[in-house]
N, C-alpha and C. Protein backbone atom coordinates (compact mmCIF):
# COMPACT_ATOMS: atom_id res chain seq x y z
N PRO A 1 63.11 -7.15 -30.51
CA PRO A 1 64.67 -6.89 -29.16
C PRO A 1 63.16 -6.43 -28.06
N ILE A 2 63.27 -6.71 -26.63
CA ILE A 2 63.34 -5.75 -25.17
C ILE A 2 63.77 -5.15 -25.63
N LEU A 3 63.11 -4.09 -25.58
CA LEU A 3 64.08 -2.18 -25.22
C LEU A 3 64.53 -2.85 -23.71
N SER A 4 64.24 -2.92 -22.71
CA SER A 4 64.32 -1.97 -21.44
C SER A 4 65.71 -4.04 -21.70
N ARG A 5 65.95 -4.52 -22.46
CA ARG A 5 67.09 -5.06 -22.40
C ARG A 5 68.42 -4.57 -23.67
N GLN A 6 67.87 -3.32 -23.75
CA GLN A 6 68.60 -2.97 -24.46
C GLN A 6 69.79 -1.83 -23.90
N THR A 7 70.81 -1.19 -24.29
CA THR A 7 71.55 -0.34 -24.04
C THR A 7 70.59 1.75 -24.84
N PRO A 8 70.72 2.38 -23.94
CA PRO A 8 69.42 3.54 -24.44
C PRO A 8 69.77 4.25 -26.23
N GLU A 9 71.39 3.88 -26.35
CA GLU A 9 71.86 3.84 -27.84
C GLU A 9 71.31 3.18 -28.76
N GLU A 10 71.22 1.45 -28.13
CA GLU A 10 70.28 0.89 -28.64
C GLU A 10 68.84 0.70 -29.06
N GLN A 11 68.81 0.92 -28.02
CA GLN A 11 66.59 1.28 -28.05
C GLN A 11 66.68 2.57 -28.89
N GLU A 12 67.59 3.30 -29.02
CA GLU A 12 66.93 4.63 -29.91
C GLU A 12 67.98 3.84 -31.65
N ALA A 13 68.41 3.62 -31.88
CA ALA A 13 68.76 3.20 -33.66
C ALA A 13 67.39 2.13 -33.49
N ASP A 14 67.15 0.90 -32.96
CA ASP A 14 65.43 0.46 -33.49
C ASP A 14 64.00 1.08 -33.53
N ILE A 15 64.24 1.91 -32.71
CA ILE A 15 62.73 2.10 -32.18
C ILE A 15 63.70 3.67 -34.36
N LEU A 16 64.28 4.52 -34.18
CA LEU A 16 64.38 4.60 -35.36
C LEU A 16 64.26 5.07 -36.48
N GLY A 17 65.03 3.68 -36.52
CA GLY A 17 65.36 2.65 -37.96
C GLY A 17 63.27 2.42 -37.82
N SER A 18 62.97 1.47 -37.23
CA SER A 18 62.06 1.26 -37.71
C SER A 18 60.88 2.40 -38.38
N ARG A 19 60.37 3.64 -37.33
CA ARG A 19 60.46 4.74 -38.00
C ARG A 19 60.93 4.88 -38.90
N ASP A 20 61.55 4.54 -39.38
CA ASP A 20 61.76 5.85 -40.41
C ASP A 20 61.79 4.80 -41.76
N ARG A 21 61.88 3.69 -41.52
CA ARG A 21 61.66 2.43 -42.43
C ARG A 21 59.70 2.50 -42.70
N LEU A 22 59.15 3.07 -41.78
CA LEU A 22 57.69 2.14 -41.88
C LEU A 22 57.24 3.83 -42.54
N THR A 23 58.04 5.28 -42.05
CA THR A 23 58.20 6.40 -43.49
C THR A 23 58.06 6.25 -44.64
N GLU A 24 59.38 5.92 -44.88
CA GLU A 24 59.70 4.97 -46.69
C GLU A 24 58.98 4.62 -47.58
N GLU A 25 58.43 3.60 -46.73
CA GLU A 25 57.55 2.18 -47.19
C GLU A 25 56.15 3.20 -47.30
N LEU A 26 55.11 4.46 -46.29
CA LEU A 26 54.00 4.51 -46.39
C LEU A 26 54.31 5.80 -46.33
N GLY A 27 54.90 6.58 -46.42
CA GLY A 27 55.36 8.28 -47.21
C GLY A 27 55.12 9.03 -46.04
N ALA A 28 54.60 8.84 -44.39
CA ALA A 28 54.13 9.34 -43.34
C ALA A 28 54.64 8.75 -42.38
N PRO A 29 55.30 9.17 -41.15
CA PRO A 29 55.70 9.57 -40.20
C PRO A 29 55.23 7.92 -39.27
N PRO A 30 54.42 7.48 -38.26
CA PRO A 30 53.84 6.71 -37.57
C PRO A 30 53.76 8.26 -37.11
N GLN A 31 52.21 7.85 -36.26
CA GLN A 31 52.69 8.59 -35.34
C GLN A 31 52.16 7.85 -33.99
N THR A 32 52.19 6.91 -34.11
CA THR A 32 51.94 5.72 -32.50
C THR A 32 52.79 4.86 -32.65
N PHE A 33 53.13 3.92 -31.61
CA PHE A 33 54.89 3.11 -31.19
C PHE A 33 53.62 1.62 -30.34
N ALA A 34 54.45 0.80 -31.14
CA ALA A 34 53.69 -0.51 -30.10
C ALA A 34 55.39 -1.23 -29.32
N MET A 35 54.76 -0.57 -28.50
CA MET A 35 56.28 -2.07 -27.19
C MET A 35 55.84 -2.86 -27.96
N PRO A 36 57.32 -3.27 -28.20
CA PRO A 36 56.62 -4.80 -28.13
C PRO A 36 57.63 -5.85 -27.03
N ASN A 37 57.10 -7.52 -26.75
CA ASN A 37 56.47 -7.71 -26.28
C ASN A 37 54.48 -6.60 -24.84
N GLY A 38 55.27 -5.91 -24.54
CA GLY A 38 54.30 -4.87 -23.90
C GLY A 38 54.08 -4.79 -22.55
N GLY A 39 54.86 -5.89 -21.47
CA GLY A 39 54.66 -5.44 -20.23
C GLY A 39 55.58 -4.18 -19.68
N ARG A 40 55.42 -4.09 -18.60
CA ARG A 40 56.19 -3.23 -17.54
C ARG A 40 57.79 -2.89 -17.79
N ALA A 41 58.35 -4.17 -17.70
CA ALA A 41 59.33 -4.80 -18.07
C ALA A 41 59.86 -5.57 -18.95
N ASP A 42 58.44 -4.72 -20.22
CA ASP A 42 59.61 -5.03 -21.39
C ASP A 42 59.86 -3.27 -21.53
N TYR A 43 60.15 -2.26 -21.12
CA TYR A 43 60.22 -0.80 -21.64
C TYR A 43 60.78 -0.12 -20.44
N ASP A 44 61.62 1.16 -20.40
CA ASP A 44 62.42 1.40 -20.05
C ASP A 44 61.73 3.07 -19.31
N PRO A 45 62.35 4.18 -18.66
CA PRO A 45 62.36 5.20 -19.06
C PRO A 45 62.73 5.98 -20.01
N ALA A 46 63.73 5.29 -20.09
CA ALA A 46 65.16 5.66 -21.55
C ALA A 46 63.74 5.23 -22.61
N THR A 47 63.67 4.53 -23.08
CA THR A 47 62.39 4.00 -24.12
C THR A 47 61.11 5.18 -24.10
N LEU A 48 60.97 5.36 -23.04
CA LEU A 48 59.53 6.19 -23.07
C LEU A 48 60.92 8.37 -23.59
N GLU A 49 61.54 8.64 -22.99
CA GLU A 49 62.18 9.05 -24.04
C GLU A 49 62.03 9.40 -25.40
N ILE A 50 62.88 8.42 -25.64
CA ILE A 50 63.21 7.81 -27.14
C ILE A 50 61.58 8.90 -28.52
N LEU A 51 60.36 7.92 -27.35
CA LEU A 51 59.52 7.96 -28.21
C LEU A 51 59.11 9.23 -28.29
N GLN A 52 59.31 10.31 -27.32
CA GLN A 52 58.92 11.31 -27.39
C GLN A 52 59.87 12.70 -28.58
N SER A 53 61.24 11.87 -27.74
CA SER A 53 62.16 12.84 -28.74
C SER A 53 61.90 12.90 -30.00
N ALA A 54 61.83 11.46 -31.19
CA ALA A 54 61.17 10.71 -31.88
C ALA A 54 60.20 11.96 -33.10
N GLY A 55 58.93 11.68 -31.82
CA GLY A 55 58.09 12.48 -32.80
C GLY A 55 56.71 11.60 -32.90
N PHE A 56 57.27 10.31 -31.03
CA PHE A 56 55.44 9.58 -31.44
C PHE A 56 54.40 10.37 -31.06
N ALA A 57 53.13 10.27 -31.06
CA ALA A 57 52.65 10.99 -30.40
C ALA A 57 51.51 10.33 -29.01
N ALA A 58 51.59 8.54 -29.26
CA ALA A 58 51.17 7.53 -29.00
C ALA A 58 52.21 6.01 -28.52
N ALA A 59 51.67 5.74 -28.22
CA ALA A 59 52.91 4.16 -27.32
C ALA A 59 51.46 3.40 -26.95
N CYS A 60 51.65 2.07 -27.33
CA CYS A 60 50.35 1.41 -26.97
C CYS A 60 51.68 -0.19 -25.95
N THR A 61 51.23 -0.24 -24.19
CA THR A 61 51.37 -1.31 -24.22
C THR A 61 50.98 -3.22 -24.14
N THR A 62 50.55 -4.20 -24.12
CA THR A 62 50.08 -5.23 -23.31
C THR A 62 49.30 -5.17 -22.34
N ARG A 63 49.62 -3.59 -21.44
CA ARG A 63 48.99 -3.98 -19.55
C ARG A 63 47.54 -3.59 -19.65
N ARG A 64 47.29 -4.64 -19.45
CA ARG A 64 45.71 -4.83 -19.36
C ARG A 64 45.18 -3.62 -19.02
N GLY A 65 43.67 -2.47 -18.96
CA GLY A 65 43.52 -1.29 -18.87
C GLY A 65 42.81 -0.67 -19.46
N ALA A 66 41.83 0.19 -18.95
CA ALA A 66 41.69 1.30 -19.92
C ALA A 66 42.74 2.57 -19.16
N ASN A 67 41.73 2.99 -20.19
CA ASN A 67 43.16 4.68 -20.02
C ASN A 67 42.08 5.86 -20.22
N ALA A 68 42.31 6.63 -18.82
CA ALA A 68 41.47 7.76 -17.95
C ALA A 68 41.61 9.21 -18.57
N PRO A 69 41.21 9.51 -18.72
CA PRO A 69 41.21 11.00 -19.19
C PRO A 69 43.21 10.98 -18.55
N GLY A 70 44.05 11.78 -19.45
CA GLY A 70 45.12 12.08 -19.06
C GLY A 70 46.04 11.48 -18.83
N ALA A 71 45.56 9.87 -19.04
CA ALA A 71 46.61 8.64 -18.94
C ALA A 71 47.65 8.85 -19.89
N GLU A 72 48.68 8.78 -19.64
CA GLU A 72 50.41 8.47 -19.94
C GLU A 72 50.15 7.93 -21.51
N LEU A 73 50.49 9.09 -22.36
CA LEU A 73 50.22 8.51 -23.78
C LEU A 73 50.92 7.52 -24.78
N LEU A 74 52.46 7.84 -24.05
CA LEU A 74 53.32 6.80 -24.20
C LEU A 74 53.43 5.13 -22.98
N GLU A 75 52.48 4.88 -23.25
CA GLU A 75 52.35 4.31 -21.65
C GLU A 75 50.87 3.70 -22.19
N LEU A 76 49.66 3.26 -22.86
CA LEU A 76 48.50 3.81 -22.76
C LEU A 76 48.54 1.96 -22.42
N ARG A 77 46.89 1.86 -22.38
CA ARG A 77 46.38 0.35 -21.87
C ARG A 77 45.86 -0.44 -22.78
N ARG A 78 45.72 -1.56 -23.15
CA ARG A 78 44.90 -2.78 -24.15
C ARG A 78 43.23 -2.93 -23.18
N LEU A 79 42.42 -3.14 -23.71
CA LEU A 79 41.14 -4.21 -23.21
C LEU A 79 41.31 -5.09 -24.21
N GLY A 80 41.31 -5.87 -23.83
CA GLY A 80 40.76 -7.60 -24.60
C GLY A 80 39.54 -7.73 -24.74
N VAL A 81 38.79 -7.47 -26.16
CA VAL A 81 37.38 -7.72 -26.70
C VAL A 81 36.65 -9.49 -26.27
N GLY A 82 37.98 -10.09 -26.25
CA GLY A 82 36.80 -11.39 -26.17
C GLY A 82 35.80 -12.25 -26.47
N SER A 83 34.71 -12.44 -25.76
CA SER A 83 33.34 -12.55 -26.23
C SER A 83 32.71 -12.06 -24.42
N ASP A 84 32.82 -10.58 -24.53
CA ASP A 84 31.90 -10.18 -24.26
C ASP A 84 31.51 -9.61 -24.88
N PRO A 85 29.54 -10.07 -23.95
CA PRO A 85 28.34 -8.85 -25.05
C PRO A 85 28.58 -7.43 -25.19
N LEU A 86 28.02 -6.50 -26.02
CA LEU A 86 29.12 -5.79 -27.11
C LEU A 86 28.55 -4.69 -25.91
N PHE A 87 27.71 -4.93 -25.16
CA PHE A 87 27.07 -3.17 -23.77
C PHE A 87 27.30 -3.19 -22.82
N MET A 88 28.01 -4.74 -22.34
CA MET A 88 30.12 -4.94 -21.36
C MET A 88 30.63 -4.38 -22.94
N LEU A 89 31.40 -4.65 -23.56
CA LEU A 89 31.87 -3.69 -23.96
C LEU A 89 32.34 -2.47 -24.63
N ALA A 90 31.01 -1.46 -24.64
CA ALA A 90 30.33 -0.18 -24.38
C ALA A 90 31.60 0.04 -23.41
N ALA A 91 30.87 -0.32 -22.03
CA ALA A 91 30.69 -0.54 -20.26
C ALA A 91 32.76 -0.12 -20.19
N ARG A 92 33.10 -0.96 -20.72
CA ARG A 92 34.64 -1.19 -20.40
C ARG A 92 34.62 -0.34 -21.41
N LEU A 93 34.57 0.44 -22.60
CA LEU A 93 35.24 1.26 -22.86
C LEU A 93 35.49 3.07 -22.74
N ALA A 94 33.59 3.33 -22.03
CA ALA A 94 33.64 4.56 -21.04
C ALA A 94 34.13 4.06 -19.95
N GLY A 95 35.25 3.53 -19.26
CA GLY A 95 35.32 3.60 -18.23
C GLY A 95 34.32 2.94 -17.67
N LEU A 96 33.26 2.55 -17.50
CA LEU A 96 32.69 2.27 -16.38
C LEU A 96 32.73 1.03 -15.80
N VAL A 97 33.87 -0.21 -16.38
CA VAL A 97 34.05 -0.66 -15.55
C VAL A 97 34.70 -1.96 -16.12
N ASP A 98 35.76 -1.48 -14.48
CA ASP A 98 36.78 -2.02 -14.66
C ASP A 98 37.66 -3.41 -14.73
N GLU A 99 38.79 -3.59 -14.55
CA GLU A 99 38.75 -5.16 -15.15
C GLU A 99 38.11 -5.74 -13.83
N GLY A 100 38.70 -5.51 -12.72
CA GLY A 100 37.76 -5.53 -11.48
C GLY A 100 36.58 -6.80 -10.88
N ILE A 101 35.63 -5.42 -11.91
CA ILE A 101 34.72 -5.93 -10.78
C ILE A 101 34.11 -6.70 -12.37
N ARG A 102 35.00 -6.66 -13.67
CA ARG A 102 34.23 -7.95 -14.99
C ARG A 102 34.40 -8.89 -14.34
N ARG A 103 35.39 -9.15 -13.53
CA ARG A 103 35.97 -10.85 -13.13
C ARG A 103 34.17 -11.48 -12.29
N TRP A 104 33.31 -10.40 -11.78
CA TRP A 104 32.63 -11.24 -10.62
C TRP A 104 31.83 -11.10 -11.59
N LEU A 105 31.65 -10.77 -12.22
CA LEU A 105 29.76 -10.90 -13.76
C LEU A 105 29.90 -12.04 -14.14
N PRO A 106 29.16 -12.56 -14.33
CA PRO A 106 28.99 -14.31 -14.92
C PRO A 106 28.63 -13.95 -16.48
N PHE A 107 29.68 -13.32 -17.25
CA PHE A 107 29.59 -13.76 -18.70
C PHE A 107 31.25 -13.31 -18.79
């Protein structure tokens, strides 16, 4: 389900239920969470509060971009790998090239 479309109580039940099932199956609680769909409209402040209270260290969105030092750990962005040359991927991971600059490059 899209978390932002649920009440905080429904979100908490889904998040904790998923965490508890993974804990049971894997023998240890998960430290990270992947936002369903992951766009900015797919989660809300209640989601972030629940994740923090549930003990998650980080959560990934599907929002594109690099994560600078000090980035919000419960709203991490992602980089698409695509077909970029290895040196470009390394530059992007290092935060030397952002998506705006990348669009102007010939590869």
